[in-house]
């Protein structure tokens, strides 16, 4: 499965004042992908579609590049103390996903370019809770791996958190495009998790995401890169042959992981 590329891109004018925003604008303005300006990443108009369903599908193929102005982080219990706002929205079309309603009339994919300001805010949260460890969930209303090849923001967040004695990062993904993250200086401070499911569920209920085999292969790469690694199997579904399907999934997961990273 090829990495996501948008069909339409919007930029906030202020985003062009930041190095990442300027870089993305230069990359895409002559790419053949339509590039437009918007006054705010919170209100994007002009996404095409004759019906609401068509507009929704097109929105999930639309990238909006903006500035995260609100640097008061949302809580992210129980997985972490706070959400680290790198992006919102997802290019996947999982039938059961809560984002279908959570994102309201903003189902497009937003990425934020003021990373140093976001990291500075994270550092303040860490200092406030010292000497306790503070955990951050990266883009809990998005899939940060799905846009990493575009922004590089997740690797920067991983390396930022690697330098924080009392900071930890975690995220979950359904995408296999992990190569940009394998040489990150994570120092064991980032917990990398894959959402996996039986092949039947991935094929029929998780369109627009990486196939199961690709995710498991990516998990093996992540394990060899030394990241703390975990898996989420959800939702569990009953279908014809479900026992065999989940059994094959677990067997393939076992075979893909380095022997030293397996638990008996």
Protein backbone atom coordinates (compact mmCIF):
# COMPACT_ATOMS: atom_id res chain seq x y z
CA UNK A 1 0.00 0.00 0.00
CA UNK A 2 1.38 3.39 -1.03
CA UNK A 3 1.64 6.19 1.55
CA UNK A 4 -1.20 8.71 1.61
CA UNK A 5 -1.05 11.67 -0.74
CA UNK A 6 -3.78 14.33 -0.61
CA UNK A 7 -6.01 15.31 -3.51
CA UNK A 8 -6.31 18.91 -2.27
CA UNK A 9 -4.23 21.04 0.13
CA UNK A 10 -5.08 24.18 2.09
CA UNK A 11 -2.59 26.43 3.87
CA UNK A 12 -3.19 29.00 6.58
CA UNK A 13 -1.16 32.12 5.70
CA UNK A 14 0.48 32.06 9.14
CA UNK A 15 1.75 28.52 8.50
CA UNK A 16 4.10 29.90 5.87
CA UNK A 17 5.99 31.77 8.61
CA UNK A 18 7.29 28.48 10.01
CA UNK A 19 10.03 26.37 8.38
CA UNK A 20 7.86 23.27 8.05
CA UNK A 21 4.97 25.23 6.56
CA UNK A 22 7.27 26.94 4.08
CA UNK A 23 8.84 23.59 3.15
CA UNK A 24 5.45 21.97 2.53
CA UNK A 25 4.26 24.92 0.45
CA UNK A 26 7.36 24.76 -1.75
CA UNK A 27 6.97 21.00 -2.12
CA UNK A 28 3.35 21.05 -3.18
CA UNK A 29 2.81 24.32 -5.07
CA UNK A 30 4.19 22.80 -8.30
CA UNK A 31 3.25 19.21 -7.58
CA UNK A 32 0.05 19.12 -9.62
CA UNK A 33 -2.03 18.82 -6.44
CA UNK A 34 -4.35 21.85 -6.09
CA UNK A 35 -3.12 24.23 -3.38
CA UNK A 36 -5.43 26.84 -1.86
CA UNK A 37 -5.33 29.25 1.06
CA UNK A 38 -7.72 29.29 4.00
CA UNK A 39 -8.13 31.83 6.77
CA UNK A 40 -8.32 29.16 9.48
CA UNK A 41 -7.70 25.43 9.78
CA UNK A 42 -10.89 25.30 11.84
CA UNK A 43 -13.05 26.48 8.96
CA UNK A 44 -12.19 25.15 5.52
CA UNK A 45 -14.65 25.71 2.68
CA UNK A 46 -14.56 24.68 -0.94
CA UNK A 47 -14.04 20.94 -0.56
CA UNK A 48 -15.87 19.50 -3.60
CA UNK A 49 -18.77 17.05 -3.53
CA UNK A 50 -22.35 16.88 -4.76
CA UNK A 51 -23.62 15.10 -1.65
CA UNK A 52 -22.63 15.18 2.02
CA UNK A 53 -21.23 11.66 1.73
CA UNK A 54 -19.10 12.69 -1.25
CA UNK A 55 -17.87 15.81 0.56
CA UNK A 56 -16.95 13.66 3.54
CA UNK A 57 -14.92 11.25 1.40
CA UNK A 58 -13.18 14.14 -0.34
CA UNK A 59 -12.46 15.83 2.99
CA UNK A 60 -10.57 12.73 4.13
CA UNK A 61 -8.38 13.18 1.06
CA UNK A 62 -7.73 16.84 1.94
CA UNK A 63 -4.69 18.08 3.84
CA UNK A 64 -4.83 21.33 5.82
CA UNK A 65 -1.56 22.87 6.98
CA UNK A 66 -2.01 25.19 9.94
CA UNK A 67 -0.75 26.59 13.21
CA UNK A 68 -1.85 25.14 16.53
CA UNK A 69 -2.79 28.27 18.43
CA UNK A 70 -4.23 26.56 21.52
CA UNK A 71 -1.27 25.20 23.45
CA UNK A 72 -3.31 24.02 26.42
CA UNK A 73 -3.17 20.27 25.86
CA UNK A 74 -6.20 18.02 26.20
CA UNK A 75 -5.99 15.22 28.74
CA UNK A 76 -5.67 11.73 27.29
CA UNK A 77 -6.54 9.38 30.13
CA UNK A 78 -6.06 6.52 30.69
CA UNK A 79 -3.31 6.04 28.09
CA UNK A 80 -1.42 9.24 28.93
CA UNK A 81 -1.61 12.45 30.92
CA UNK A 82 -1.86 14.68 27.83
CA UNK A 83 -2.40 14.60 24.09
CA UNK A 84 0.49 16.00 22.03
CA UNK A 85 -1.21 17.90 19.17
CA UNK A 86 0.72 17.04 16.01
CA UNK A 87 -2.26 16.38 13.74
CA UNK A 88 -6.00 15.71 13.69
CA UNK A 89 -8.10 13.68 11.30
CA UNK A 90 -7.26 10.40 9.57
CA UNK A 91 -7.13 9.16 6.01
CA UNK A 92 -8.47 5.75 7.02
CA UNK A 93 -12.12 4.75 6.68
CA UNK A 94 -12.55 2.29 9.55
CA UNK A 95 -16.27 1.57 9.77
CA UNK A 96 -16.34 1.63 13.56
CA UNK A 97 -14.12 4.69 14.14
CA UNK A 98 -15.29 7.28 16.65
CA UNK A 99 -13.68 10.04 14.57
CA UNK A 100 -16.59 9.81 12.14
CA UNK A 101 -18.65 11.72 14.69
CA UNK A 102 -15.94 13.31 16.85
CA UNK A 103 -14.51 15.41 14.02
CA UNK A 104 -17.94 16.87 13.16
CA UNK A 105 -17.78 19.06 10.08
CA UNK A 106 -13.95 18.96 10.04
CA UNK A 107 -13.06 15.44 8.88
CA UNK A 108 -10.13 16.70 6.82
CA UNK A 109 -6.56 15.99 7.91
CA UNK A 110 -4.82 18.83 9.72
CA UNK A 111 -1.10 19.01 10.45
CA UNK A 112 0.47 21.68 12.62
CA UNK A 113 3.76 23.34 11.73
CA UNK A 114 4.64 25.28 14.93
CA UNK A 115 6.40 22.28 16.41
CA UNK A 116 8.87 24.17 18.59
CA UNK A 117 6.00 25.97 20.31
CA UNK A 118 4.21 22.65 20.83
CA UNK A 119 7.34 21.05 22.27
CA UNK A 120 7.95 24.06 24.54
CA UNK A 121 4.43 23.65 25.93
CA UNK A 122 5.06 19.94 26.47
CA UNK A 123 8.25 20.75 28.37
CA UNK A 124 6.29 23.02 30.71
CA UNK A 125 3.83 20.20 31.47
CA UNK A 126 6.74 17.89 32.21
CA UNK A 127 8.32 20.39 34.61
CA UNK A 128 5.01 20.98 36.38
CA UNK A 129 4.67 17.27 37.22
CA UNK A 130 8.31 16.59 38.12
CA UNK A 131 9.57 14.32 39.58
CA UNK A 132 6.79 12.17 38.14
CA UNK A 133 7.01 10.93 34.56
CA UNK A 134 4.58 12.65 32.18
CA UNK A 135 3.20 10.64 29.26
CA UNK A 136 1.93 12.15 26.02
CA UNK A 137 -0.27 10.48 23.42
CA UNK A 138 0.80 11.70 19.98
CA UNK A 139 -2.13 12.92 17.90
CA UNK A 140 -4.82 10.88 19.62
CA UNK A 141 -7.41 12.10 17.07
CA UNK A 142 -5.23 11.11 14.12
CA UNK A 143 -2.77 8.46 12.98
CA UNK A 144 0.61 10.23 13.04
CA UNK A 145 2.40 7.48 11.10
CA UNK A 146 -0.03 8.01 8.22
CA UNK A 147 1.28 11.54 7.59
CA UNK A 148 4.88 11.14 8.79
CA UNK A 149 6.26 10.87 5.25
CA UNK A 150 4.74 14.32 4.60
CA UNK A 151 5.66 16.22 7.77
CA UNK A 152 8.47 14.42 9.62
CA UNK A 153 6.80 15.73 12.80
CA UNK A 154 6.55 12.40 14.59
CA UNK A 155 10.28 11.71 14.34
CA UNK A 156 10.99 15.17 15.72
CA UNK A 157 8.56 14.51 18.59
CA UNK A 158 10.21 11.15 19.30
CA UNK A 159 13.66 12.73 19.46
CA UNK A 160 12.40 15.65 21.54
CA UNK A 161 10.91 13.23 24.06
CA UNK A 162 14.06 11.12 23.98
CA UNK A 163 15.83 14.15 25.44
CA UNK A 164 13.33 14.57 28.29
CA UNK A 165 14.32 12.60 31.37
CA UNK A 166 10.74 12.68 32.68
CA UNK A 167 8.88 12.68 29.37
CA UNK A 168 7.42 9.73 27.49
CA UNK A 169 5.61 9.49 24.16
CA UNK A 170 3.17 6.89 22.90
CA UNK A 171 0.97 6.46 19.86
CA UNK A 172 -0.96 3.83 17.97
CA UNK A 173 -1.08 3.24 14.22
CA UNK A 174 -2.71 1.15 11.52
CA UNK A 175 -0.04 2.11 8.99
CA UNK A 176 3.15 0.34 8.00
CA UNK A 177 5.22 3.26 6.69
CA UNK A 178 7.65 3.26 9.61
CA UNK A 179 10.97 3.61 7.78
CA UNK A 180 11.46 7.33 8.64
CA UNK A 181 11.23 6.44 12.35
CA UNK A 182 13.60 3.49 12.54
CA UNK A 183 16.78 5.55 13.05
CA UNK A 184 15.22 8.06 15.46
CA UNK A 185 17.11 8.65 18.70
CA UNK A 186 14.19 7.50 20.87
CA UNK A 187 16.25 6.34 23.91
CA UNK A 188 13.41 4.02 24.87
CA UNK A 189 11.10 6.94 25.69
CA UNK A 190 8.53 6.24 22.95
CA UNK A 191 6.05 3.37 23.17
CA UNK A 192 5.16 2.31 19.63
CA UNK A 193 1.84 0.47 19.33
CA UNK A 194 0.15 -1.18 16.36
CA UNK A 195 -3.58 -1.67 16.07
CA UNK A 196 -4.07 -5.08 14.49
CA UNK A 197 -6.98 -7.36 13.76
CA UNK A 198 -7.84 -10.52 11.90
CA UNK A 199 -7.23 -10.24 8.17
CA UNK A 200 -11.00 -10.45 7.51
CA UNK A 201 -11.66 -7.41 9.71
CA UNK A 202 -8.84 -5.39 8.17
CA UNK A 203 -10.06 -6.14 4.63
CA UNK A 204 -13.75 -5.45 5.18
CA UNK A 205 -13.91 -2.95 8.06
CA UNK A 206 -10.67 -0.95 7.84
CA UNK A 207 -10.44 0.37 4.25
CA UNK A 208 -7.72 2.89 3.56
CA UNK A 209 -5.32 1.37 6.12
CA UNK A 210 -2.29 -0.88 5.67
CA UNK A 211 -2.95 -4.62 5.21
CA UNK A 212 -2.37 -6.82 8.24
CA UNK A 213 0.73 -8.45 6.75
CA UNK A 214 2.32 -5.04 6.16
CA UNK A 215 1.58 -3.92 9.72
CA UNK A 216 3.13 -7.05 11.17
CA UNK A 217 6.21 -6.67 8.98
CA UNK A 218 6.50 -3.06 10.15
CA UNK A 219 6.18 -4.21 13.77
CA UNK A 220 9.17 -6.47 13.28
CA UNK A 221 11.20 -3.51 12.01
CA UNK A 222 10.13 -1.39 14.97
CA UNK A 223 11.08 -4.16 17.39
CA UNK A 224 14.53 -4.45 15.84
CA UNK A 225 14.90 -0.66 16.17
CA UNK A 226 14.60 -1.10 19.94
CA UNK A 227 11.34 0.73 20.59
CA UNK A 228 9.11 -0.37 23.47
CA UNK A 229 6.41 -2.12 21.45
CA UNK A 230 2.78 -3.07 22.04
CA UNK A 231 -0.33 -4.17 20.18
CA UNK A 232 -4.01 -3.37 20.36
CA UNK A 233 -6.45 -5.98 19.06
CA UNK A 234 -9.79 -4.23 18.76
CA UNK A 235 -12.61 -4.43 18.11
CA UNK A 236 -12.90 -8.18 18.43
CA UNK A 237 -15.44 -9.38 15.87
CA UNK A 238 -17.34 -12.60 15.30
CA UNK A 239 -17.36 -13.74 11.67
CA UNK A 240 -17.29 -17.05 9.83
CA UNK A 241 -13.96 -18.60 10.76
CA UNK A 242 -13.14 -16.00 13.40
CA UNK A 243 -11.24 -18.41 15.66
CA UNK A 244 -8.99 -19.50 12.81
CA UNK A 245 -8.60 -15.89 11.62
CA UNK A 246 -7.44 -14.58 14.98
CA UNK A 247 -5.26 -17.63 15.44
CA UNK A 248 -3.46 -16.98 12.14
CA UNK A 249 -3.01 -13.34 13.08
CA UNK A 250 -1.32 -14.24 16.36
CA UNK A 251 0.86 -16.88 14.74
CA UNK A 252 2.05 -14.47 12.08
CA UNK A 253 2.70 -11.81 14.71
CA UNK A 254 4.85 -14.31 16.64
CA UNK A 255 6.78 -15.20 13.49
CA UNK A 256 7.43 -11.57 12.55
CA UNK A 257 8.86 -10.47 15.90
CA UNK A 258 12.53 -11.06 16.74
CA UNK A 259 12.84 -14.00 19.08
CA UNK A 260 14.35 -11.90 21.86
CA UNK A 261 11.31 -9.59 21.84
CA UNK A 262 8.77 -12.39 22.29
CA UNK A 263 7.26 -13.32 25.62
CA UNK A 264 6.34 -16.90 26.35
